[in-house]
């Protein structure tokens, strides 16, 4: 029997699929939780160049050859973690966050952080179950074509175990 999903580094060929998962899942967790101004900027088309920029630091989850989730890291930040609604509850999010944590630790960072929107209670519970701690409020600057939009968020942190030598 094969694995129900696999985690692998993203490639340029994944840009549209990753952008689609990210856009749809971002909408699930952010609708009503971010300023309307930001939501208006987050069209599918806006996710394509943002995805392309992150491909070198992104891992995807695949089921039957189809991308159903993604995690992107930036230095010590677990910058993006999104899973298609149909793939939630399957262990994919846990595997993606673990892969992101491994990448951050392998880059020599002893602690990882992420921003989560204040109102996204589902995501906040998930991060806490995964060992992340709420480190306090954060005014996150979401970048848009018209300039940054401040999003009331929480900063979550997690100490990491260095990779074995």
C-alpha atoms as a PDB file:
ATOM      1  CA  UNK A   1       0.000   0.000   0.000  1.00  0.00           C
ATOM      2  CA  UNK A   2       1.326   3.476  -0.837  1.00  0.00           C
ATOM      3  CA  UNK A   3       1.286   6.542   1.369  1.00  0.00           C
ATOM      4  CA  UNK A   4      -2.026   8.423   1.193  1.00  0.00           C
ATOM      5  CA  UNK A   5      -0.014  11.582   0.478  1.00  0.00           C
ATOM      6  CA  UNK A   6       3.554  12.677  -0.055  1.00  0.00           C
ATOM      7  CA  UNK A   7       5.462  15.834   0.838  1.00  0.00           C
ATOM      8  CA  UNK A   8       7.999  17.128  -1.674  1.00  0.00           C
ATOM      9  CA  UNK A   9       9.761  20.367  -2.630  1.00  0.00           C
ATOM     10  CA  UNK A  10       7.635  22.580  -4.871  1.00  0.00           C
ATOM     11  CA  UNK A  11       8.711  23.238  -8.455  1.00  0.00           C
ATOM     12  CA  UNK A  12       7.878  25.924 -11.016  1.00  0.00           C
ATOM     13  CA  UNK A  13       5.363  23.472 -12.495  1.00  0.00           C
ATOM     14  CA  UNK A  14       3.395  23.695  -9.231  1.00  0.00           C
ATOM     15  CA  UNK A  15       2.815  27.471  -9.255  1.00  0.00           C
ATOM     16  CA  UNK A  16      -0.812  27.438 -10.452  1.00  0.00           C
ATOM     17  CA  UNK A  17      -1.813  24.480  -8.269  1.00  0.00           C
ATOM     18  CA  UNK A  18      -0.171  25.965  -5.168  1.00  0.00           C
ATOM     19  CA  UNK A  19      -1.702  29.381  -5.862  1.00  0.00           C
ATOM     20  CA  UNK A  20      -5.144  27.783  -6.175  1.00  0.00           C
ATOM     21  CA  UNK A  21      -4.833  25.881  -2.864  1.00  0.00           C
ATOM     22  CA  UNK A  22      -3.389  28.936  -1.116  1.00  0.00           C
ATOM     23  CA  UNK A  23      -6.039  31.321  -2.457  1.00  0.00           C
ATOM     24  CA  UNK A  24      -8.977  29.065  -1.570  1.00  0.00           C
ATOM     25  CA  UNK A  25      -7.702  28.036   1.867  1.00  0.00           C
ATOM     26  CA  UNK A  26      -6.638  31.625   2.665  1.00  0.00           C
ATOM     27  CA  UNK A  27     -10.217  32.691   1.986  1.00  0.00           C
ATOM     28  CA  UNK A  28     -11.532  29.992   4.346  1.00  0.00           C
ATOM     29  CA  UNK A  29      -9.455  31.208   7.279  1.00  0.00           C
ATOM     30  CA  UNK A  30      -9.438  34.930   6.629  1.00  0.00           C
ATOM     31  CA  UNK A  31     -12.939  35.890   5.454  1.00  0.00           C
ATOM     32  CA  UNK A  32     -14.334  38.150   8.152  1.00  0.00           C
ATOM     33  CA  UNK A  33     -11.037  38.050  10.071  1.00  0.00           C
ATOM     34  CA  UNK A  34      -9.009  40.580   8.069  1.00  0.00           C
ATOM     35  CA  UNK A  35      -9.756  44.131   6.974  1.00  0.00           C
ATOM     36  CA  UNK A  36     -12.034  44.227   3.918  1.00  0.00           C
ATOM     37  CA  UNK A  37      -9.323  46.230   2.145  1.00  0.00           C
ATOM     38  CA  UNK A  38      -6.963  43.236   2.292  1.00  0.00           C
ATOM     39  CA  UNK A  39      -9.598  40.736   1.241  1.00  0.00           C
ATOM     40  CA  UNK A  40     -10.315  42.862  -1.842  1.00  0.00           C
ATOM     41  CA  UNK A  41      -6.641  42.542  -2.882  1.00  0.00           C
ATOM     42  CA  UNK A  42      -6.452  38.768  -2.450  1.00  0.00           C
ATOM     43  CA  UNK A  43      -7.772  37.642  -5.835  1.00  0.00           C
ATOM     44  CA  UNK A  44      -6.531  34.393  -7.351  1.00  0.00           C
ATOM     45  CA  UNK A  45      -4.428  36.433  -9.776  1.00  0.00           C
ATOM     46  CA  UNK A  46      -2.645  38.118  -6.855  1.00  0.00           C
ATOM     47  CA  UNK A  47      -1.565  34.724  -5.474  1.00  0.00           C
ATOM     48  CA  UNK A  48       0.262  33.609  -8.632  1.00  0.00           C
ATOM     49  CA  UNK A  49       3.278  35.974  -8.409  1.00  0.00           C
ATOM     50  CA  UNK A  50       3.378  35.607  -4.617  1.00  0.00           C
ATOM     51  CA  UNK A  51       3.489  31.827  -5.065  1.00  0.00           C
ATOM     52  CA  UNK A  52       6.198  32.030  -7.731  1.00  0.00           C
ATOM     53  CA  UNK A  53       8.414  34.097  -5.367  1.00  0.00           C
ATOM     54  CA  UNK A  54       8.098  31.449  -2.657  1.00  0.00           C
ATOM     55  CA  UNK A  55       8.576  28.282  -4.746  1.00  0.00           C
ATOM     56  CA  UNK A  56      12.266  27.836  -3.756  1.00  0.00           C
ATOM     57  CA  UNK A  57      11.206  27.707  -0.075  1.00  0.00           C
ATOM     58  CA  UNK A  58       7.923  25.819  -0.452  1.00  0.00           C
ATOM     59  CA  UNK A  59       6.978  22.186   0.080  1.00  0.00           C
ATOM     60  CA  UNK A  60       3.756  20.704  -1.216  1.00  0.00           C
ATOM     61  CA  UNK A  61       1.532  17.817  -0.208  1.00  0.00           C
ATOM     62  CA  UNK A  62       0.301  15.631  -3.050  1.00  0.00           C
ATOM     63  CA  UNK A  63      -2.491  13.087  -3.190  1.00  0.00           C
ATOM     64  CA  UNK A  64      -2.707  11.027  -6.378  1.00  0.00           C
ATOM     65  CA  UNK A  65      -0.454  13.556  -8.125  1.00  0.00           C
ATOM     66  CA  UNK A  66      -2.614  16.543  -7.149  1.00  0.00           C
ATOM     67  CA  UNK A  67      -1.323  19.361  -4.908  1.00  0.00           C
ATOM     68  CA  UNK A  68      -3.579  19.628  -1.835  1.00  0.00           C
ATOM     69  CA  UNK A  69      -1.422  21.628   0.577  1.00  0.00           C
ATOM     70  CA  UNK A  70       1.614  23.829   0.934  1.00  0.00           C
ATOM     71  CA  UNK A  71       4.048  25.208   3.482  1.00  0.00           C
ATOM     72  CA  UNK A  72       6.490  28.042   2.782  1.00  0.00           C
ATOM     73  CA  UNK A  73       9.312  29.163   5.057  1.00  0.00           C
ATOM     74  CA  UNK A  74      11.210  32.444   5.122  1.00  0.00           C
ATOM     75  CA  UNK A  75      14.282  32.477   7.342  1.00  0.00           C
ATOM     76  CA  UNK A  76      12.920  31.585  10.820  1.00  0.00           C
ATOM     77  CA  UNK A  77       9.281  32.193   9.855  1.00  0.00           C
ATOM     78  CA  UNK A  78       6.819  29.497   8.938  1.00  0.00           C
ATOM     79  CA  UNK A  79       5.322  31.985   6.516  1.00  0.00           C
ATOM     80  CA  UNK A  80       2.445  30.102   4.889  1.00  0.00           C
ATOM     81  CA  UNK A  81       0.620  26.868   5.686  1.00  0.00           C
ATOM     82  CA  UNK A  82      -2.547  26.029   3.783  1.00  0.00           C
ATOM     83  CA  UNK A  83      -4.430  22.822   3.027  1.00  0.00           C
ATOM     84  CA  UNK A  84      -7.361  22.229   0.702  1.00  0.00           C
ATOM     85  CA  UNK A  85     -10.607  21.835   2.676  1.00  0.00           C
ATOM     86  CA  UNK A  86     -11.153  18.290   1.366  1.00  0.00           C
ATOM     87  CA  UNK A  87      -7.718  17.225   2.668  1.00  0.00           C
ATOM     88  CA  UNK A  88      -8.102  18.611   6.188  1.00  0.00           C
ATOM     89  CA  UNK A  89      -8.156  16.061   8.982  1.00  0.00           C
ATOM     90  CA  UNK A  90      -5.954  13.624   7.031  1.00  0.00           C
ATOM     91  CA  UNK A  91      -2.599  14.391   8.694  1.00  0.00           C
ATOM     92  CA  UNK A  92      -1.415  16.527   5.778  1.00  0.00           C
ATOM     93  CA  UNK A  93      -1.280  19.768   7.781  1.00  0.00           C
ATOM     94  CA  UNK A  94       0.726  18.042  10.520  1.00  0.00           C
ATOM     95  CA  UNK A  95       3.177  16.635   7.969  1.00  0.00           C
ATOM     96  CA  UNK A  96       3.550  20.013   6.256  1.00  0.00           C
ATOM     97  CA  UNK A  97       4.166  21.927   9.481  1.00  0.00           C
ATOM     98  CA  UNK A  98       6.724  19.312  10.547  1.00  0.00           C
ATOM     99  CA  UNK A  99       8.498  19.693   7.173  1.00  0.00           C
ATOM    100  CA  UNK A 100       8.512  23.471   7.547  1.00  0.00           C
ATOM    101  CA  UNK A 101       9.922  23.192  11.067  1.00  0.00           C
ATOM    102  CA  UNK A 102      12.651  20.838   9.780  1.00  0.00           C
ATOM    103  CA  UNK A 103      13.645  23.340   7.081  1.00  0.00           C
ATOM    104  CA  UNK A 104      13.856  26.181   9.594  1.00  0.00           C
ATOM    105  CA  UNK A 105      15.909  24.078  12.031  1.00  0.00           C
ATOM    106  CA  UNK A 106      18.197  22.879   9.217  1.00  0.00           C
ATOM    107  CA  UNK A 107      18.897  26.534   8.381  1.00  0.00           C
ATOM    108  CA  UNK A 108      20.255  26.920  11.929  1.00  0.00           C
ATOM    109  CA  UNK A 109      17.345  28.684  13.612  1.00  0.00           C
ATOM    110  CA  UNK A 110      16.688  27.519  17.197  1.00  0.00           C
ATOM    111  CA  UNK A 111      13.143  28.945  17.218  1.00  0.00           C
ATOM    112  CA  UNK A 112      10.444  29.355  14.579  1.00  0.00           C
ATOM    113  CA  UNK A 113       7.632  31.856  14.487  1.00  0.00           C
ATOM    114  CA  UNK A 114       4.451  32.425  12.521  1.00  0.00           C
ATOM    115  CA  UNK A 115       1.654  34.951  12.352  1.00  0.00           C
ATOM    116  CA  UNK A 116      -1.958  33.864  12.640  1.00  0.00           C
ATOM    117  CA  UNK A 117      -4.965  36.155  12.309  1.00  0.00           C
ATOM    118  CA  UNK A 118      -6.637  36.910  15.658  1.00  0.00           C
ATOM    119  CA  UNK A 119     -10.038  35.598  14.567  1.00  0.00           C
ATOM    120  CA  UNK A 120      -8.836  32.324  13.031  1.00  0.00           C
ATOM    121  CA  UNK A 121      -9.637  30.153  16.034  1.00  0.00           C
ATOM    122  CA  UNK A 122      -9.353  26.884  14.060  1.00  0.00           C
ATOM    123  CA  UNK A 123      -5.767  27.665  13.019  1.00  0.00           C
ATOM    124  CA  UNK A 124      -4.817  28.877  16.494  1.00  0.00           C
ATOM    125  CA  UNK A 125      -6.063  25.615  18.056  1.00  0.00           C
ATOM    126  CA  UNK A 126      -4.156  23.608  15.441  1.00  0.00           C
ATOM    127  CA  UNK A 127      -0.868  25.433  16.114  1.00  0.00           C
ATOM    128  CA  UNK A 128      -1.284  24.976  19.867  1.00  0.00           C
ATOM    129  CA  UNK A 129      -1.886  21.219  19.378  1.00  0.00           C
ATOM    130  CA  UNK A 130       1.327  21.143  17.336  1.00  0.00           C
ATOM    131  CA  UNK A 131       3.351  22.609  20.223  1.00  0.00           C
ATOM    132  CA  UNK A 132       3.365  26.279  19.231  1.00  0.00           C
ATOM    133  CA  UNK A 133       2.802  28.959  21.904  1.00  0.00           C
ATOM    134  CA  UNK A 134       1.026  32.286  21.616  1.00  0.00           C
ATOM    135  CA  UNK A 135       3.766  34.884  22.151  1.00  0.00           C
ATOM    136  CA  UNK A 136       1.425  37.884  22.005  1.00  0.00           C
ATOM    137  CA  UNK A 137      -0.175  40.390  19.667  1.00  0.00           C
ATOM    138  CA  UNK A 138       1.380  41.270  16.333  1.00  0.00           C
ATOM    139  CA  UNK A 139       0.391  43.975  13.868  1.00  0.00           C
ATOM    140  CA  UNK A 140       1.182  42.032  10.713  1.00  0.00           C
ATOM    141  CA  UNK A 141       1.889  44.068   7.580  1.00  0.00           C
ATOM    142  CA  UNK A 142       0.228  42.228   4.698  1.00  0.00           C
ATOM    143  CA  UNK A 143       1.695  43.483   1.432  1.00  0.00           C
ATOM    144  CA  UNK A 144      -0.618  44.530  -1.414  1.00  0.00           C
ATOM    145  CA  UNK A 145      -0.221  46.355  -4.721  1.00  0.00           C
ATOM    146  CA  UNK A 146      -1.486  49.494  -2.932  1.00  0.00           C
ATOM    147  CA  UNK A 147       0.879  49.173   0.022  1.00  0.00           C
ATOM    148  CA  UNK A 148       0.746  47.340   3.351  1.00  0.00           C
ATOM    149  CA  UNK A 149      -2.467  46.594   5.214  1.00  0.00           C
ATOM    150  CA  UNK A 150      -2.193  46.085   8.978  1.00  0.00           C
ATOM    151  CA  UNK A 151      -3.812  42.835  10.102  1.00  0.00           C
ATOM    152  CA  UNK A 152      -4.386  42.217  13.829  1.00  0.00           C
ATOM    153  CA  UNK A 153      -2.645  38.913  14.438  1.00  0.00           C
ATOM    154  CA  UNK A 154      -0.959  36.768  17.041  1.00  0.00           C
ATOM    155  CA  UNK A 155       2.684  35.740  16.965  1.00  0.00           C
ATOM    156  CA  UNK A 156       3.176  32.057  17.679  1.00  0.00           C
ATOM    157  CA  UNK A 157       6.599  30.581  18.449  1.00  0.00           C
ATOM    158  CA  UNK A 158       8.123  27.149  18.839  1.00  0.00           C
ATOM    159  CA  UNK A 159      11.601  26.100  19.955  1.00  0.00           C
ATOM    160  CA  UNK A 160      13.151  23.710  17.451  1.00  0.00           C
ATOM    161  CA  UNK A 161      15.401  20.709  17.833  1.00  0.00           C
ATOM    162  CA  UNK A 162      18.556  21.009  15.729  1.00  0.00           C
ATOM    163  CA  UNK A 163      18.883  18.317  13.068  1.00  0.00           C
ATOM    164  CA  UNK A 164      21.025  15.318  13.978  1.00  0.00           C
ATOM    165  CA  UNK A 165      24.590  15.527  12.657  1.00  0.00           C
END
